[in-house]
Amino acid sequence: MKCSIATCPGEYEPRRVTHTVRTGDRIVVIDHVPAEVCSVCGDVLFAPETVRRIEELLANLGQPDGVVPLFEYA
């Protein structure tokens, strides 16, 4: 599928991405999320079922699979 950015000549291709969300005072990183990513500009599209799954994960946060360091840009 052609990229939805008007001036971009790229095409979307299936990939797995890392999605980061701030929810309340937490930053949640979800790895290996299926997405369509433009081969030129990097625009990312999620399918509706992927968005629903992300929302479910955020609504039922349990113990994380890992911990990552967080650095603040000063």
N, C-alpha and C. Protein backbone atom coordinates (compact mmCIF):
# COMPACT_ATOMS: atom_id res chain seq x y z
N MET A 1 0.85 -1.18 0.00
CA MET A 1 0.00 0.00 0.00
C MET A 1 0.89 1.24 0.00
N LYS A 2 0.50 2.25 -0.79
CA LYS A 2 1.26 3.49 -0.87
C LYS A 2 1.17 4.25 0.45
N CYS A 3 2.25 4.94 0.79
CA CYS A 3 2.30 5.74 2.02
C CYS A 3 1.21 6.79 2.01
N SER A 4 0.62 7.05 3.18
CA SER A 4 -0.46 8.03 3.30
C SER A 4 0.04 9.47 3.43
N ILE A 5 1.36 9.66 3.57
CA ILE A 5 1.94 11.01 3.61
C ILE A 5 1.96 11.52 2.16
N ALA A 6 1.34 12.66 1.91
CA ALA A 6 1.09 13.15 0.55
C ALA A 6 2.33 13.19 -0.35
N THR A 7 3.45 13.65 0.15
CA THR A 7 4.63 13.82 -0.70
C THR A 7 5.60 12.64 -0.66
N CYS A 8 5.26 11.60 0.06
CA CYS A 8 6.16 10.46 0.20
C CYS A 8 5.88 9.41 -0.88
N PRO A 9 6.93 8.95 -1.56
CA PRO A 9 6.75 7.94 -2.60
C PRO A 9 6.82 6.50 -2.08
N GLY A 10 6.95 6.35 -0.77
CA GLY A 10 7.18 5.02 -0.19
C GLY A 10 5.95 4.12 -0.18
N GLU A 11 6.21 2.87 0.18
CA GLU A 11 5.18 1.85 0.32
C GLU A 11 5.25 1.29 1.74
N TYR A 12 4.10 0.94 2.29
CA TYR A 12 4.07 0.31 3.61
C TYR A 12 4.48 -1.16 3.48
N GLU A 13 5.23 -1.62 4.48
CA GLU A 13 5.62 -3.02 4.54
C GLU A 13 5.45 -3.51 5.98
N PRO A 14 5.09 -4.78 6.14
CA PRO A 14 4.89 -5.31 7.49
C PRO A 14 6.21 -5.40 8.25
N ARG A 15 6.19 -4.95 9.50
CA ARG A 15 7.35 -5.03 10.38
C ARG A 15 6.86 -5.20 11.81
N ARG A 16 7.79 -5.42 12.70
CA ARG A 16 7.53 -5.41 14.14
C ARG A 16 8.24 -4.18 14.70
N VAL A 17 7.54 -3.40 15.52
CA VAL A 17 8.11 -2.17 16.06
C VAL A 17 8.06 -2.18 17.58
N THR A 18 8.77 -1.25 18.18
CA THR A 18 8.71 -1.01 19.61
C THR A 18 7.84 0.23 19.80
N HIS A 19 6.78 0.09 20.59
CA HIS A 19 5.81 1.17 20.80
C HIS A 19 5.93 1.66 22.24
N THR A 20 6.07 2.97 22.41
CA THR A 20 6.23 3.57 23.73
C THR A 20 5.02 4.45 24.03
N VAL A 21 4.47 4.29 25.24
CA VAL A 21 3.28 5.03 25.65
C VAL A 21 3.48 5.57 27.05
N ARG A 22 3.09 6.82 27.28
CA ARG A 22 3.06 7.35 28.65
C ARG A 22 1.63 7.19 29.15
N THR A 23 1.47 6.50 30.27
CA THR A 23 0.15 6.31 30.88
C THR A 23 0.27 6.71 32.35
N GLY A 24 -0.40 7.80 32.70
CA GLY A 24 -0.26 8.33 34.05
C GLY A 24 1.18 8.75 34.27
N ASP A 25 1.78 8.24 35.35
CA ASP A 25 3.18 8.59 35.64
C ASP A 25 4.14 7.50 35.17
N ARG A 26 3.65 6.56 34.38
CA ARG A 26 4.49 5.46 33.89
C ARG A 26 4.76 5.60 32.40
N ILE A 27 5.92 5.12 32.00
CA ILE A 27 6.24 4.99 30.59
C ILE A 27 6.28 3.50 30.31
N VAL A 28 5.47 3.07 29.34
CA VAL A 28 5.36 1.65 29.03
C VAL A 28 5.93 1.42 27.63
N VAL A 29 6.82 0.44 27.52
CA VAL A 29 7.42 0.09 26.24
C VAL A 29 6.91 -1.31 25.87
N ILE A 30 6.31 -1.41 24.69
CA ILE A 30 5.77 -2.68 24.20
C ILE A 30 6.59 -3.06 22.97
N ASP A 31 7.24 -4.20 23.04
CA ASP A 31 8.14 -4.64 21.98
C ASP A 31 7.44 -5.61 21.04
N HIS A 32 7.91 -5.68 19.82
CA HIS A 32 7.46 -6.64 18.80
C HIS A 32 6.00 -6.43 18.39
N VAL A 33 5.57 -5.17 18.27
CA VAL A 33 4.20 -4.85 17.89
C VAL A 33 4.08 -4.91 16.36
N PRO A 34 3.13 -5.67 15.82
CA PRO A 34 2.96 -5.72 14.36
C PRO A 34 2.46 -4.37 13.84
N ALA A 35 3.07 -3.91 12.75
CA ALA A 35 2.71 -2.62 12.17
C ALA A 35 3.02 -2.62 10.68
N GLU A 36 2.48 -1.64 10.00
CA GLU A 36 2.85 -1.36 8.62
C GLU A 36 3.72 -0.11 8.67
N VAL A 37 4.94 -0.18 8.12
CA VAL A 37 5.90 0.92 8.22
C VAL A 37 6.31 1.33 6.81
N CYS A 38 6.30 2.64 6.55
CA CYS A 38 6.69 3.15 5.24
C CYS A 38 8.19 2.93 5.05
N SER A 39 8.55 2.42 3.88
CA SER A 39 9.94 2.11 3.57
C SER A 39 10.78 3.36 3.34
N VAL A 40 10.14 4.52 3.15
CA VAL A 40 10.88 5.75 2.89
C VAL A 40 10.88 6.68 4.11
N CYS A 41 9.70 7.06 4.58
CA CYS A 41 9.62 8.08 5.65
C CYS A 41 9.48 7.48 7.05
N GLY A 42 9.15 6.19 7.15
CA GLY A 42 9.03 5.56 8.46
C GLY A 42 7.68 5.73 9.13
N ASP A 43 6.70 6.30 8.43
CA ASP A 43 5.35 6.43 9.00
C ASP A 43 4.86 5.05 9.43
N VAL A 44 4.18 5.00 10.58
CA VAL A 44 3.74 3.73 11.15
C VAL A 44 2.22 3.69 11.23
N LEU A 45 1.63 2.57 10.77
CA LEU A 45 0.20 2.33 10.88
C LEU A 45 -0.03 1.05 11.68
N PHE A 46 -1.00 1.10 12.61
CA PHE A 46 -1.40 -0.08 13.35
C PHE A 46 -2.79 -0.51 12.89
N ALA A 47 -3.01 -1.80 12.76
CA ALA A 47 -4.33 -2.32 12.43
C ALA A 47 -5.25 -2.11 13.65
N PRO A 48 -6.56 -2.00 13.43
CA PRO A 48 -7.48 -1.80 14.55
C PRO A 48 -7.34 -2.87 15.64
N GLU A 49 -7.14 -4.13 15.26
CA GLU A 49 -7.00 -5.17 16.28
C GLU A 49 -5.71 -5.01 17.09
N THR A 50 -4.68 -4.46 16.48
CA THR A 50 -3.44 -4.19 17.21
C THR A 50 -3.65 -3.07 18.22
N VAL A 51 -4.38 -2.04 17.82
CA VAL A 51 -4.68 -0.94 18.74
C VAL A 51 -5.50 -1.46 19.92
N ARG A 52 -6.48 -2.32 19.65
CA ARG A 52 -7.29 -2.89 20.74
C ARG A 52 -6.41 -3.70 21.70
N ARG A 53 -5.48 -4.47 21.16
CA ARG A 53 -4.60 -5.28 22.00
C ARG A 53 -3.69 -4.39 22.86
N ILE A 54 -3.17 -3.32 22.28
CA ILE A 54 -2.35 -2.37 23.04
C ILE A 54 -3.18 -1.77 24.17
N GLU A 55 -4.41 -1.39 23.87
CA GLU A 55 -5.29 -0.82 24.90
C GLU A 55 -5.56 -1.83 26.01
N GLU A 56 -5.74 -3.11 25.66
CA GLU A 56 -5.94 -4.17 26.67
C GLU A 56 -4.70 -4.29 27.55
N LEU A 57 -3.53 -4.31 26.93
CA LEU A 57 -2.28 -4.41 27.69
C LEU A 57 -2.15 -3.24 28.68
N LEU A 58 -2.47 -2.03 28.22
CA LEU A 58 -2.35 -0.85 29.08
C LEU A 58 -3.39 -0.85 30.20
N ALA A 59 -4.55 -1.43 29.95
CA ALA A 59 -5.61 -1.48 30.97
C ALA A 59 -5.31 -2.51 32.04
N ASN A 60 -4.48 -3.50 31.72
CA ASN A 60 -4.21 -4.59 32.65
C ASN A 60 -2.70 -4.77 32.87
N LEU A 61 -2.04 -3.68 33.21
CA LEU A 61 -0.59 -3.76 33.39
C LEU A 61 -0.26 -4.65 34.58
N GLY A 62 0.51 -5.65 34.31
CA GLY A 62 0.99 -6.53 35.37
C GLY A 62 2.47 -6.28 35.58
N GLN A 63 3.18 -7.32 35.91
CA GLN A 63 4.62 -7.21 36.05
C GLN A 63 5.26 -7.13 34.66
N PRO A 64 6.21 -6.23 34.49
CA PRO A 64 6.86 -6.13 33.18
C PRO A 64 7.76 -7.33 32.91
N ASP A 65 7.99 -7.59 31.63
CA ASP A 65 8.89 -8.67 31.23
C ASP A 65 10.34 -8.28 31.44
N GLY A 66 10.61 -6.98 31.55
CA GLY A 66 11.97 -6.50 31.76
C GLY A 66 11.92 -5.05 32.22
N VAL A 67 13.08 -4.49 32.50
CA VAL A 67 13.18 -3.11 32.95
C VAL A 67 14.24 -2.43 32.08
N VAL A 68 13.94 -1.21 31.63
CA VAL A 68 14.90 -0.48 30.82
C VAL A 68 15.28 0.82 31.53
N PRO A 69 16.50 1.28 31.33
CA PRO A 69 16.89 2.55 31.94
C PRO A 69 16.17 3.72 31.25
N LEU A 70 15.87 4.75 32.00
CA LEU A 70 15.22 5.93 31.46
C LEU A 70 16.12 7.12 31.71
N PHE A 71 16.46 7.83 30.65
CA PHE A 71 17.30 9.01 30.74
C PHE A 71 16.47 10.22 30.32
N GLU A 72 16.64 11.32 31.05
CA GLU A 72 15.89 12.53 30.73
C GLU A 72 16.78 13.48 29.95
N TYR A 73 16.23 14.02 28.86
CA TYR A 73 16.95 15.00 28.06
C TYR A 73 16.97 16.30 28.82
N ALA A 74 18.16 16.79 29.11
CA ALA A 74 18.26 18.03 29.91
C ALA A 74 18.56 19.22 29.04
